[in-house]
Amino acid sequence: MEGTTGTTLKSRNTFWLIVIGAAFWGINPLFRVMLLDTLTSAQIVFIEHLLLAFIAVPILWKNRHELKGLRKIHIGALLFISWGGSALATLLFTAGLTYGNMNAVLLLQKMQPLFAIILARILLKEMLPKHFASLVVVALMGTYLLTFGFSFPLGHVGDVIQMGSLLSLAAAALWGGSTVMGRIMLKQMKFETVTALRFVLATPFITAIMLMQNAVWNIPADSTALTLIGINLVLSALLPGLFSMLLYYKGLTNTKASVATLAELSFPMTGMLVSWLFFQETVTAAQFIGFVLIWGVIFTISKQREIIAPIERERAPILSKIS
């Protein structure tokens, strides 16, 4: 009984690592606001990934033995995480915002947890915790209130049936799928190696995107401004980038992917707090209720033993069948 209790507490702690890691994604605007005055989004992400790749390469060299024996399914999962989740999903979502109704795009993006839950059930055969369906509904209500408040953002069905909606759903599927693919790769290698590969493999893809955009580099001549940009880039790469992903994948090692996707909802909660504390945006009653609902779901799930799914260093059944 004592050993079981210890394992339970440890796994609950790793669940909170996901919550904290995802929360760090919400502080990105603190760094991006200044950077976007001189650089494009693609240029910012490119520089950040160069910095992260520089850090990641020694990690990969140290753990190079883990790269032996990788099969096609492993390569596919890694590319899904690095190209799909890191770069392509963001591009699709951004493109979706330019096609028609922005509210429809934002609304359909909230489907991300459902994609992760479905894929986790199919690929990982995960059993869901007690009252999980009800908790998902409450969490989705919370994210809705954070985004739209008490209003209904759509006028008619035609606002949903459009190209932007399809792009938003594709982005949500990629983000949700990345959680599951990360869980699959953690069956094969350590969380540090998965994190390092995510950044290294994403760098060529993001470089190609930046070169295709062919945007002008507006580098300030003033040394003070240049120093501030450099500090912002480093902090953005290390905090919402490296540090958050290390926490995230460490937590995912002992947490079911279907549960992790709800832990990720700490991200919009942090985003709301950042907007309130640093950008003087008013928090409405609806947003406050949404914040409380999401926090309640995260806290409730953290207390359940069914969230535990420790990974053993062996090939998962799904990999054996596909390989």
C-alpha atoms as a PDB file:
ATOM      1  CA  MET A   1       0.000   0.000   0.000  1.00  0.00           C
ATOM      2  CA  GLU A   2       2.828   2.387   0.875  1.00  0.00           C
ATOM      3  CA  GLY A   3       4.553   1.768  -2.473  1.00  0.00           C
ATOM      4  CA  THR A   4       1.316   2.344  -4.369  1.00  0.00           C
ATOM      5  CA  THR A   5       0.708   5.603  -2.541  1.00  0.00           C
ATOM      6  CA  GLY A   6       4.220   6.790  -3.351  1.00  0.00           C
ATOM      7  CA  THR A   7       3.767   5.991  -7.044  1.00  0.00           C
ATOM      8  CA  THR A   8       0.419   7.782  -7.066  1.00  0.00           C
ATOM      9  CA  LEU A   9       1.858  10.925  -5.512  1.00  0.00           C
ATOM     10  CA  LYS A  10       4.798  10.883  -7.908  1.00  0.00           C
ATOM     11  CA  SER A  11       2.521  10.555 -10.920  1.00  0.00           C
ATOM     12  CA  ARG A  12       0.264  13.332  -9.658  1.00  0.00           C
ATOM     13  CA  ASN A  13       3.350  15.504  -9.359  1.00  0.00           C
ATOM     14  CA  THR A  14       4.263  14.769 -12.985  1.00  0.00           C
ATOM     15  CA  PHE A  15       0.730  15.754 -13.990  1.00  0.00           C
ATOM     16  CA  TRP A  16       1.407  19.164 -12.450  1.00  0.00           C
ATOM     17  CA  LEU A  17       4.632  19.376 -14.460  1.00  0.00           C
ATOM     18  CA  ILE A  18       2.461  19.386 -17.594  1.00  0.00           C
ATOM     19  CA  VAL A  19       0.250  22.081 -16.095  1.00  0.00           C
ATOM     20  CA  ILE A  20       3.272  24.264 -15.267  1.00  0.00           C
ATOM     21  CA  GLY A  21       4.997  23.576 -18.596  1.00  0.00           C
ATOM     22  CA  ALA A  22       1.900  24.518 -20.607  1.00  0.00           C
ATOM     23  CA  ALA A  23       1.354  27.590 -18.424  1.00  0.00           C
ATOM     24  CA  PHE A  24       4.713  28.933 -19.584  1.00  0.00           C
ATOM     25  CA  TRP A  25       3.412  29.008 -23.172  1.00  0.00           C
ATOM     26  CA  GLY A  26       1.051  31.765 -22.084  1.00  0.00           C
ATOM     27  CA  ILE A  27       3.881  34.184 -21.254  1.00  0.00           C
ATOM     28  CA  ASN A  28       5.097  34.287 -24.868  1.00  0.00           C
ATOM     29  CA  PRO A  29       3.348  37.619 -25.590  1.00  0.00           C
ATOM     30  CA  LEU A  30       5.590  39.305 -23.020  1.00  0.00           C
ATOM     31  CA  PHE A  31       8.534  38.690 -25.346  1.00  0.00           C
ATOM     32  CA  ARG A  32       6.792  38.769 -28.735  1.00  0.00           C
ATOM     33  CA  VAL A  33       5.296  42.269 -28.386  1.00  0.00           C
ATOM     34  CA  MET A  34       8.707  43.922 -28.583  1.00  0.00           C
ATOM     35  CA  LEU A  35      10.181  41.473 -31.078  1.00  0.00           C
ATOM     36  CA  LEU A  36       7.335  41.886 -33.597  1.00  0.00           C
ATOM     37  CA  ASP A  37       8.233  45.567 -33.929  1.00  0.00           C
ATOM     38  CA  THR A  38      11.395  44.590 -35.814  1.00  0.00           C
ATOM     39  CA  LEU A  39      11.072  40.924 -36.850  1.00  0.00           C
ATOM     40  CA  THR A  40       8.421  38.765 -38.507  1.00  0.00           C
ATOM     41  CA  SER A  41       6.920  35.777 -36.703  1.00  0.00           C
ATOM     42  CA  ALA A  42       8.861  33.378 -38.938  1.00  0.00           C
ATOM     43  CA  GLN A  43      12.135  35.192 -38.240  1.00  0.00           C
ATOM     44  CA  ILE A  44      11.510  35.104 -34.484  1.00  0.00           C
ATOM     45  CA  VAL A  45      10.701  31.386 -34.491  1.00  0.00           C
ATOM     46  CA  PHE A  46      13.725  30.710 -36.741  1.00  0.00           C
ATOM     47  CA  ILE A  47      16.166  32.447 -34.362  1.00  0.00           C
ATOM     48  CA  GLU A  48      14.588  30.778 -31.328  1.00  0.00           C
ATOM     49  CA  HIS A  49      14.968  27.347 -32.913  1.00  0.00           C
ATOM     50  CA  LEU A  50      18.582  28.034 -33.848  1.00  0.00           C
ATOM     51  CA  LEU A  51      19.289  28.842 -30.198  1.00  0.00           C
ATOM     52  CA  LEU A  52      17.391  25.763 -29.032  1.00  0.00           C
ATOM     53  CA  ALA A  53      19.101  23.513 -31.586  1.00  0.00           C
ATOM     54  CA  PHE A  54      22.478  24.740 -30.335  1.00  0.00           C
ATOM     55  CA  ILE A  55      21.472  23.565 -26.846  1.00  0.00           C
ATOM     56  CA  ALA A  56      19.801  20.380 -28.087  1.00  0.00           C
ATOM     57  CA  VAL A  57      22.687  18.971 -30.145  1.00  0.00           C
ATOM     58  CA  PRO A  58      24.886  18.135 -27.096  1.00  0.00           C
ATOM     59  CA  ILE A  59      21.872  16.405 -25.502  1.00  0.00           C
ATOM     60  CA  LEU A  60      21.395  14.298 -28.615  1.00  0.00           C
ATOM     61  CA  TRP A  61      25.096  13.450 -28.700  1.00  0.00           C
ATOM     62  CA  LYS A  62      25.024  12.342 -25.071  1.00  0.00           C
ATOM     63  CA  ASN A  63      21.906  10.201 -25.664  1.00  0.00           C
ATOM     64  CA  ARG A  64      22.843   9.105 -29.183  1.00  0.00           C
ATOM     65  CA  HIS A  65      22.439   5.432 -28.251  1.00  0.00           C
ATOM     66  CA  GLU A  66      18.687   6.072 -28.016  1.00  0.00           C
ATOM     67  CA  LEU A  67      18.596   6.905 -31.721  1.00  0.00           C
ATOM     68  CA  LYS A  68      19.641   3.394 -32.698  1.00  0.00           C
ATOM     69  CA  GLY A  69      16.882   1.105 -33.854  1.00  0.00           C
ATOM     70  CA  LEU A  70      14.388   3.825 -34.670  1.00  0.00           C
ATOM     71  CA  ARG A  71      11.750   2.571 -37.093  1.00  0.00           C
ATOM     72  CA  LYS A  72       9.650   4.386 -39.657  1.00  0.00           C
ATOM     73  CA  ILE A  73       6.839   4.836 -37.166  1.00  0.00           C
ATOM     74  CA  HIS A  74       9.219   6.571 -34.766  1.00  0.00           C
ATOM     75  CA  ILE A  75      10.489   8.907 -37.488  1.00  0.00           C
ATOM     76  CA  GLY A  76       6.906   9.652 -38.483  1.00  0.00           C
ATOM     77  CA  ALA A  77       5.942  10.452 -34.884  1.00  0.00           C
ATOM     78  CA  LEU A  78       8.951  12.756 -34.477  1.00  0.00           C
ATOM     79  CA  LEU A  79       8.185  14.602 -37.714  1.00  0.00           C
ATOM     80  CA  PHE A  80       4.546  14.880 -36.662  1.00  0.00           C
ATOM     81  CA  ILE A  81       5.638  16.524 -33.402  1.00  0.00           C
ATOM     82  CA  SER A  82       8.337  18.806 -34.825  1.00  0.00           C
ATOM     83  CA  TRP A  83       6.900  19.722 -38.239  1.00  0.00           C
ATOM     84  CA  GLY A  84       3.197  19.278 -37.552  1.00  0.00           C
ATOM     85  CA  GLY A  85       2.805  20.400 -33.941  1.00  0.00           C
ATOM     86  CA  SER A  86       5.567  23.015 -33.821  1.00  0.00           C
ATOM     87  CA  ALA A  87       5.303  24.681 -37.220  1.00  0.00           C
ATOM     88  CA  LEU A  88       2.565  23.515 -39.597  1.00  0.00           C
ATOM     89  CA  ALA A  89      -0.273  23.746 -37.050  1.00  0.00           C
ATOM     90  CA  THR A  90       0.630  27.349 -36.249  1.00  0.00           C
ATOM     91  CA  LEU A  91       0.758  28.208 -39.951  1.00  0.00           C
ATOM     92  CA  LEU A  92      -2.622  26.572 -40.626  1.00  0.00           C
ATOM     93  CA  PHE A  93      -4.249  28.316 -37.691  1.00  0.00           C
ATOM     94  CA  THR A  94      -2.795  31.686 -38.702  1.00  0.00           C
ATOM     95  CA  ALA A  95      -3.954  31.160 -42.294  1.00  0.00           C
ATOM     96  CA  GLY A  96      -7.402  30.188 -41.030  1.00  0.00           C
ATOM     97  CA  LEU A  97      -7.748  33.560 -39.329  1.00  0.00           C
ATOM     98  CA  THR A  98      -7.466  35.240 -42.732  1.00  0.00           C
ATOM     99  CA  TYR A  99     -10.327  33.193 -44.254  1.00  0.00           C
ATOM    100  CA  GLY A 100     -13.710  34.506 -43.204  1.00  0.00           C
ATOM    101  CA  ASN A 101     -15.092  34.433 -39.678  1.00  0.00           C
ATOM    102  CA  MET A 102     -12.357  34.693 -37.037  1.00  0.00           C
ATOM    103  CA  ASN A 103     -14.719  33.566 -34.279  1.00  0.00           C
ATOM    104  CA  ALA A 104     -15.475  30.330 -36.114  1.00  0.00           C
ATOM    105  CA  VAL A 105     -11.738  29.610 -36.394  1.00  0.00           C
ATOM    106  CA  LEU A 106     -11.186  30.305 -32.688  1.00  0.00           C
ATOM    107  CA  LEU A 107     -14.205  28.206 -31.730  1.00  0.00           C
ATOM    108  CA  LEU A 108     -13.185  25.154 -33.745  1.00  0.00           C
ATOM    109  CA  GLN A 109      -9.628  25.347 -32.432  1.00  0.00           C
ATOM    110  CA  LYS A 110     -11.118  24.470 -29.027  1.00  0.00           C
ATOM    111  CA  MET A 111     -11.710  20.969 -30.427  1.00  0.00           C
ATOM    112  CA  GLN A 112      -8.029  20.155 -29.856  1.00  0.00           C
ATOM    113  CA  PRO A 113      -8.602  18.132 -26.638  1.00  0.00           C
ATOM    114  CA  LEU A 114     -11.170  15.956 -28.401  1.00  0.00           C
ATOM    115  CA  PHE A 115      -8.676  15.014 -31.122  1.00  0.00           C
ATOM    116  CA  ALA A 116      -6.074  14.117 -28.475  1.00  0.00           C
ATOM    117  CA  ILE A 117      -8.573  12.032 -26.476  1.00  0.00           C
ATOM    118  CA  ILE A 118      -9.792  10.108 -29.541  1.00  0.00           C
ATOM    119  CA  LEU A 119      -6.275   9.414 -30.820  1.00  0.00           C
ATOM    120  CA  ALA A 120      -5.090   8.374 -27.352  1.00  0.00           C
ATOM    121  CA  ARG A 121      -7.944   5.868 -27.164  1.00  0.00           C
ATOM    122  CA  ILE A 122      -7.213   4.462 -30.645  1.00  0.00           C
ATOM    123  CA  LEU A 123      -3.405   4.420 -30.646  1.00  0.00           C
ATOM    124  CA  LEU A 124      -2.566   4.041 -26.963  1.00  0.00           C
ATOM    125  CA  LYS A 125      -5.681   2.137 -25.795  1.00  0.00           C
ATOM    126  CA  GLU A 126      -5.980   4.533 -22.859  1.00  0.00           C
ATOM    127  CA  MET A 127      -8.780   4.032 -20.351  1.00  0.00           C
ATOM    128  CA  LEU A 128     -10.325   7.315 -19.299  1.00  0.00           C
ATOM    129  CA  PRO A 129     -10.498   8.440 -15.642  1.00  0.00           C
ATOM    130  CA  LYS A 130     -13.739   8.540 -13.672  1.00  0.00           C
ATOM    131  CA  HIS A 131     -16.292  11.163 -14.819  1.00  0.00           C
ATOM    132  CA  PHE A 132     -13.854  12.186 -17.549  1.00  0.00           C
ATOM    133  CA  ALA A 133     -16.525  13.024 -20.153  1.00  0.00           C
ATOM    134  CA  SER A 134     -18.214  15.452 -17.758  1.00  0.00           C
ATOM    135  CA  LEU A 135     -14.886  17.070 -16.924  1.00  0.00           C
ATOM    136  CA  VAL A 136     -14.101  17.537 -20.630  1.00  0.00           C
ATOM    137  CA  VAL A 137     -17.443  19.287 -21.153  1.00  0.00           C
ATOM    138  CA  VAL A 138     -16.779  21.615 -18.201  1.00  0.00           C
ATOM    139  CA  ALA A 139     -13.246  22.335 -19.472  1.00  0.00           C
ATOM    140  CA  LEU A 140     -14.521  23.172 -22.956  1.00  0.00           C
ATOM    141  CA  MET A 141     -17.143  25.459 -21.416  1.00  0.00           C
ATOM    142  CA  GLY A 142     -14.349  27.186 -19.497  1.00  0.00           C
ATOM    143  CA  THR A 143     -12.232  27.756 -22.626  1.00  0.00           C
ATOM    144  CA  TYR A 144     -15.317  29.031 -24.441  1.00  0.00           C
ATOM    145  CA  LEU A 145     -15.993  31.590 -21.709  1.00  0.00           C
ATOM    146  CA  LEU A 146     -12.344  32.667 -21.707  1.00  0.00           C
ATOM    147  CA  THR A 147     -12.555  33.343 -25.443  1.00  0.00           C
ATOM    148  CA  PHE A 148     -16.106  34.549 -26.127  1.00  0.00           C
ATOM    149  CA  GLY A 149     -17.683  35.299 -22.759  1.00  0.00           C
ATOM    150  CA  PHE A 150     -21.465  34.894 -22.566  1.00  0.00           C
ATOM    151  CA  SER A 151     -21.998  35.814 -26.226  1.00  0.00           C
ATOM    152  CA  PHE A 152     -22.562  33.423 -29.120  1.00  0.00           C
ATOM    153  CA  PRO A 153     -19.899  34.306 -31.704  1.00  0.00           C
ATOM    154  CA  LEU A 154     -21.588  32.907 -34.832  1.00  0.00           C
ATOM    155  CA  GLY A 155     -24.516  34.322 -36.746  1.00  0.00           C
ATOM    156  CA  HIS A 156     -25.415  31.281 -38.863  1.00  0.00           C
ATOM    157  CA  VAL A 157     -24.123  27.890 -39.990  1.00  0.00           C
ATOM    158  CA  GLY A 158     -22.419  29.454 -42.993  1.00  0.00           C
ATOM    159  CA  ASP A 159     -19.895  31.053 -40.655  1.00  0.00           C
ATOM    160  CA  VAL A 160     -18.627  27.581 -39.772  1.00  0.00           C
ATOM    161  CA  ILE A 161     -18.635  25.939 -43.205  1.00  0.00           C
ATOM    162  CA  GLN A 162     -15.669  27.697 -44.773  1.00  0.00           C
ATOM    163  CA  MET A 163     -11.997  27.185 -45.587  1.00  0.00           C
ATOM    164  CA  GLY A 164     -10.849  28.910 -42.404  1.00  0.00           C
ATOM    165  CA  SER A 165     -12.781  26.401 -40.318  1.00  0.00           C
ATOM    166  CA  LEU A 166     -11.144  23.463 -42.082  1.00  0.00           C
ATOM    167  CA  LEU A 167      -7.707  24.965 -41.506  1.00  0.00           C
ATOM    168  CA  SER A 168      -8.529  25.515 -37.836  1.00  0.00           C
ATOM    169  CA  LEU A 169      -9.693  21.920 -37.415  1.00  0.00           C
ATOM    170  CA  ALA A 170      -6.515  20.677 -39.127  1.00  0.00           C
ATOM    171  CA  ALA A 171      -4.409  22.744 -36.725  1.00  0.00           C
ATOM    172  CA  ALA A 172      -6.373  21.422 -33.741  1.00  0.00           C
ATOM    173  CA  ALA A 173      -5.852  17.851 -34.969  1.00  0.00           C
ATOM    174  CA  LEU A 174      -2.101  18.413 -35.331  1.00  0.00           C
ATOM    175  CA  TRP A 175      -1.792  19.954 -31.869  1.00  0.00           C
ATOM    176  CA  GLY A 176      -3.899  17.228 -30.289  1.00  0.00           C
ATOM    177  CA  GLY A 177      -2.070  14.521 -32.199  1.00  0.00           C
ATOM    178  CA  SER A 178       1.290  15.891 -31.093  1.00  0.00           C
ATOM    179  CA  THR A 179       0.392  15.110 -27.486  1.00  0.00           C
ATOM    180  CA  VAL A 180      -0.282  11.483 -28.413  1.00  0.00           C
ATOM    181  CA  MET A 181       2.825  11.210 -30.613  1.00  0.00           C
ATOM    182  CA  GLY A 182       4.920  12.608 -27.779  1.00  0.00           C
ATOM    183  CA  ARG A 183       3.561   9.911 -25.495  1.00  0.00           C
ATOM    184  CA  ILE A 184       4.451   7.270 -28.093  1.00  0.00           C
ATOM    185  CA  MET A 185       8.026   8.535 -28.412  1.00  0.00           C
ATOM    186  CA  LEU A 186       8.485   8.565 -24.637  1.00  0.00           C
ATOM    187  CA  LYS A 187       8.064   4.801 -24.782  1.00  0.00           C
ATOM    188  CA  GLN A 188      11.205   4.749 -26.903  1.00  0.00           C
ATOM    189  CA  MET A 189      13.492   7.383 -25.378  1.00  0.00           C
ATOM    190  CA  LYS A 190      14.014   9.802 -22.485  1.00  0.00           C
ATOM    191  CA  PHE A 191      12.052  13.042 -22.264  1.00  0.00           C
ATOM    192  CA  GLU A 192      15.234  15.103 -22.757  1.00  0.00           C
ATOM    193  CA  THR A 193      15.907  13.355 -26.072  1.00  0.00           C
ATOM    194  CA  VAL A 194      12.333  13.847 -27.304  1.00  0.00           C
ATOM    195  CA  THR A 195      12.538  17.549 -26.441  1.00  0.00           C
ATOM    196  CA  ALA A 196      15.890  17.951 -28.196  1.00  0.00           C
ATOM    197  CA  LEU A 197      14.703  16.135 -31.332  1.00  0.00           C
ATOM    198  CA  ARG A 198      11.569  18.288 -31.467  1.00  0.00           C
ATOM    199  CA  PHE A 199      13.658  21.454 -31.770  1.00  0.00           C
ATOM    200  CA  VAL A 200      16.406  20.063 -34.015  1.00  0.00           C
ATOM    201  CA  LEU A 201      14.019  18.496 -36.532  1.00  0.00           C
ATOM    202  CA  ALA A 202      11.776  21.564 -36.616  1.00  0.00           C
ATOM    203  CA  THR A 203      14.648  23.914 -37.465  1.00  0.00           C
ATOM    204  CA  PRO A 204      15.080  22.987 -41.187  1.00  0.00           C
ATOM    205  CA  PHE A 205      11.296  23.137 -41.727  1.00  0.00           C
ATOM    206  CA  ILE A 206      11.002  26.574 -40.116  1.00  0.00           C
ATOM    207  CA  THR A 207      14.092  27.761 -42.014  1.00  0.00           C
ATOM    208  CA  ALA A 208      12.427  26.796 -45.310  1.00  0.00           C
ATOM    209  CA  ILE A 209       9.267  28.683 -44.343  1.00  0.00           C
ATOM    210  CA  MET A 210      11.249  31.792 -43.433  1.00  0.00           C
ATOM    211  CA  LEU A 211      13.192  31.702 -46.716  1.00  0.00           C
ATOM    212  CA  MET A 212       9.989  31.308 -48.743  1.00  0.00           C
ATOM    213  CA  GLN A 213       8.536  34.403 -47.087  1.00  0.00           C
ATOM    214  CA  ASN A 214      11.688  36.330 -48.045  1.00  0.00           C
ATOM    215  CA  ALA A 215      10.938  39.097 -45.547  1.00  0.00           C
ATOM    216  CA  VAL A 216      13.368  41.950 -44.918  1.00  0.00           C
ATOM    217  CA  TRP A 217      15.422  41.777 -41.725  1.00  0.00           C
ATOM    218  CA  ASN A 218      14.902  45.048 -39.854  1.00  0.00           C
ATOM    219  CA  ILE A 219      17.800  44.873 -37.420  1.00  0.00           C
ATOM    220  CA  PRO A 220      18.160  48.097 -35.406  1.00  0.00           C
ATOM    221  CA  ALA A 221      21.521  49.853 -35.505  1.00  0.00           C
ATOM    222  CA  ASP A 222      21.204  51.087 -31.929  1.00  0.00           C
ATOM    223  CA  SER A 223      23.199  48.810 -29.615  1.00  0.00           C
ATOM    224  CA  THR A 224      20.749  49.180 -26.719  1.00  0.00           C
ATOM    225  CA  ALA A 225      17.772  48.167 -28.848  1.00  0.00           C
ATOM    226  CA  LEU A 226      19.770  45.284 -30.312  1.00  0.00           C
ATOM    227  CA  THR A 227      20.707  44.088 -26.817  1.00  0.00           C
ATOM    228  CA  LEU A 228      17.070  44.172 -25.685  1.00  0.00           C
ATOM    229  CA  ILE A 229      16.031  42.178 -28.729  1.00  0.00           C
ATOM    230  CA  GLY A 230      18.737  39.621 -27.993  1.00  0.00           C
ATOM    231  CA  ILE A 231      17.642  39.287 -24.350  1.00  0.00           C
ATOM    232  CA  ASN A 232      14.013  38.863 -25.390  1.00  0.00           C
ATOM    233  CA  LEU A 233      14.932  36.197 -27.937  1.00  0.00           C
ATOM    234  CA  VAL A 234      16.993  34.239 -25.420  1.00  0.00           C
ATOM    235  CA  LEU A 235      14.322  34.425 -22.717  1.00  0.00           C
ATOM    236  CA  SER A 236      11.598  33.476 -25.192  1.00  0.00           C
ATOM    237  CA  ALA A 237      13.619  30.479 -26.376  1.00  0.00           C
ATOM    238  CA  LEU A 238      14.518  29.297 -22.878  1.00  0.00           C
ATOM    239  CA  LEU A 239      11.285  29.849 -20.894  1.00  0.00           C
ATOM    240  CA  PRO A 240       8.228  29.218 -23.138  1.00  0.00           C
ATOM    241  CA  GLY A 241      10.522  27.121 -25.329  1.00  0.00           C
ATOM    242  CA  LEU A 242      13.083  24.792 -23.766  1.00  0.00           C
ATOM    243  CA  PHE A 243      12.107  24.923 -20.080  1.00  0.00           C
ATOM    244  CA  SER A 244       8.385  24.508 -20.724  1.00  0.00           C
ATOM    245  CA  MET A 245       8.856  21.570 -23.118  1.00  0.00           C
ATOM    246  CA  LEU A 246      11.232  19.774 -20.744  1.00  0.00           C
ATOM    247  CA  LEU A 247       8.628  20.041 -17.987  1.00  0.00           C
ATOM    248  CA  TYR A 248       5.886  19.015 -20.398  1.00  0.00           C
ATOM    249  CA  TYR A 249       7.568  15.849 -21.678  1.00  0.00           C
ATOM    250  CA  LYS A 250       8.815  14.925 -18.210  1.00  0.00           C
ATOM    251  CA  GLY A 251       5.225  15.087 -17.000  1.00  0.00           C
ATOM    252  CA  LEU A 252       3.932  13.197 -20.030  1.00  0.00           C
ATOM    253  CA  THR A 253       6.188  10.280 -19.084  1.00  0.00           C
ATOM    254  CA  ASN A 254       3.811   9.281 -16.274  1.00  0.00           C
ATOM    255  CA  THR A 255       0.557  10.862 -17.449  1.00  0.00           C
ATOM    256  CA  LYS A 256      -1.989   9.646 -19.975  1.00  0.00           C
ATOM    257  CA  ALA A 257      -2.148  11.684 -23.179  1.00  0.00           C
ATOM    258  CA  SER A 258      -5.921  12.077 -22.838  1.00  0.00           C
ATOM    259  CA  VAL A 259      -5.403  13.652 -19.415  1.00  0.00           C
ATOM    260  CA  ALA A 260      -2.406  15.730 -20.514  1.00  0.00           C
ATOM    261  CA  THR A 261      -4.501  17.521 -23.141  1.00  0.00           C
ATOM    262  CA  LEU A 262      -6.681  18.958 -20.357  1.00  0.00           C
ATOM    263  CA  ALA A 263      -3.613  19.872 -18.283  1.00  0.00           C
ATOM    264  CA  GLU A 264      -2.554  21.970 -21.296  1.00  0.00           C
ATOM    265  CA  LEU A 265      -5.530  24.272 -20.673  1.00  0.00           C
ATOM    266  CA  SER A 266      -3.359  26.095 -18.153  1.00  0.00           C
ATOM    267  CA  PHE A 267      -2.001  27.819 -21.274  1.00  0.00           C
ATOM    268  CA  PRO A 268      -5.071  30.020 -22.000  1.00  0.00           C
ATOM    269  CA  MET A 269      -5.448  30.689 -18.274  1.00  0.00           C
ATOM    270  CA  THR A 270      -1.917  32.091 -18.137  1.00  0.00           C
ATOM    271  CA  GLY A 271      -2.599  34.047 -21.308  1.00  0.00           C
ATOM    272  CA  MET A 272      -5.566  35.719 -19.628  1.00  0.00           C
ATOM    273  CA  LEU A 273      -3.485  36.596 -16.552  1.00  0.00           C
ATOM    274  CA  VAL A 274      -0.698  38.042 -18.714  1.00  0.00           C
ATOM    275  CA  SER A 275      -3.186  40.193 -20.629  1.00  0.00           C
ATOM    276  CA  TRP A 276      -4.646  41.457 -17.355  1.00  0.00           C
ATOM    277  CA  LEU A 277      -1.396  42.068 -15.465  1.00  0.00           C
ATOM    278  CA  PHE A 278       0.822  43.422 -18.243  1.00  0.00           C
ATOM    279  CA  PHE A 279      -1.457  44.707 -21.019  1.00  0.00           C
ATOM    280  CA  GLN A 280      -4.176  46.275 -18.838  1.00  0.00           C
ATOM    281  CA  GLU A 281      -6.972  44.248 -20.397  1.00  0.00           C
ATOM    282  CA  THR A 282     -10.130  43.990 -18.303  1.00  0.00           C
ATOM    283  CA  VAL A 283     -11.115  40.540 -17.053  1.00  0.00           C
ATOM    284  CA  THR A 284     -14.852  40.048 -17.520  1.00  0.00           C
ATOM    285  CA  ALA A 285     -17.124  38.041 -15.240  1.00  0.00           C
ATOM    286  CA  ALA A 286     -17.416  35.379 -17.959  1.00  0.00           C
ATOM    287  CA  GLN A 287     -13.641  35.050 -18.236  1.00  0.00           C
ATOM    288  CA  PHE A 288     -13.317  34.748 -14.479  1.00  0.00           C
ATOM    289  CA  ILE A 289     -15.931  31.967 -14.442  1.00  0.00           C
ATOM    290  CA  GLY A 290     -14.120  30.230 -17.308  1.00  0.00           C
ATOM    291  CA  PHE A 291     -10.849  30.501 -15.390  1.00  0.00           C
ATOM    292  CA  VAL A 292     -12.453  28.929 -12.299  1.00  0.00           C
ATOM    293  CA  LEU A 293     -14.047  26.125 -14.339  1.00  0.00           C
ATOM    294  CA  ILE A 294     -10.758  25.160 -15.998  1.00  0.00           C
ATOM    295  CA  TRP A 295      -8.867  25.328 -12.714  1.00  0.00           C
ATOM    296  CA  GLY A 296     -11.539  23.173 -11.074  1.00  0.00           C
ATOM    297  CA  VAL A 297     -11.213  20.543 -13.817  1.00  0.00           C
ATOM    298  CA  ILE A 298      -7.412  20.472 -13.571  1.00  0.00           C
ATOM    299  CA  PHE A 299      -7.511  20.170  -9.779  1.00  0.00           C
ATOM    300  CA  THR A 300     -10.189  17.437  -9.872  1.00  0.00           C
ATOM    301  CA  ILE A 301      -8.301  15.351 -12.423  1.00  0.00           C
ATOM    302  CA  SER A 302      -5.042  15.685 -10.493  1.00  0.00           C
ATOM    303  CA  LYS A 303      -6.660  13.850  -7.566  1.00  0.00           C
ATOM    304  CA  GLN A 304      -7.618  10.784  -9.599  1.00  0.00           C
ATOM    305  CA  ARG A 305      -5.469   7.676  -9.622  1.00  0.00           C
ATOM    306  CA  GLU A 306      -6.572   6.811 -13.185  1.00  0.00           C
ATOM    307  CA  ILE A 307      -4.377   9.547 -14.642  1.00  0.00           C
ATOM    308  CA  ILE A 308      -1.304   7.406 -13.947  1.00  0.00           C
ATOM    309  CA  ALA A 309       0.334   5.585 -16.843  1.00  0.00           C
ATOM    310  CA  PRO A 310       4.064   5.111 -16.138  1.00  0.00           C
ATOM    311  CA  ILE A 311       6.120   4.338 -19.231  1.00  0.00           C
ATOM    312  CA  GLU A 312       8.472   1.390 -19.296  1.00  0.00           C
ATOM    313  CA  ARG A 313      11.431   1.434 -21.621  1.00  0.00           C
ATOM    314  CA  GLU A 314      10.023  -1.011 -24.106  1.00  0.00           C
ATOM    315  CA  ARG A 315       8.234  -0.864 -27.398  1.00  0.00           C
ATOM    316  CA  ALA A 316       4.559  -0.042 -27.124  1.00  0.00           C
ATOM    317  CA  PRO A 317       2.056  -2.559 -28.574  1.00  0.00           C
ATOM    318  CA  ILE A 318       0.967  -0.079 -31.238  1.00  0.00           C
ATOM    319  CA  LEU A 319       4.569   0.257 -32.449  1.00  0.00           C
ATOM    320  CA  SER A 320       5.045  -3.493 -32.574  1.00  0.00           C
ATOM    321  CA  LYS A 321       2.011  -3.932 -34.781  1.00  0.00           C
ATOM    322  CA  ILE A 322       2.894  -1.145 -37.188  1.00  0.00           C
ATOM    323  CA  SER A 323       6.649  -1.695 -37.381  1.00  0.00           C
END
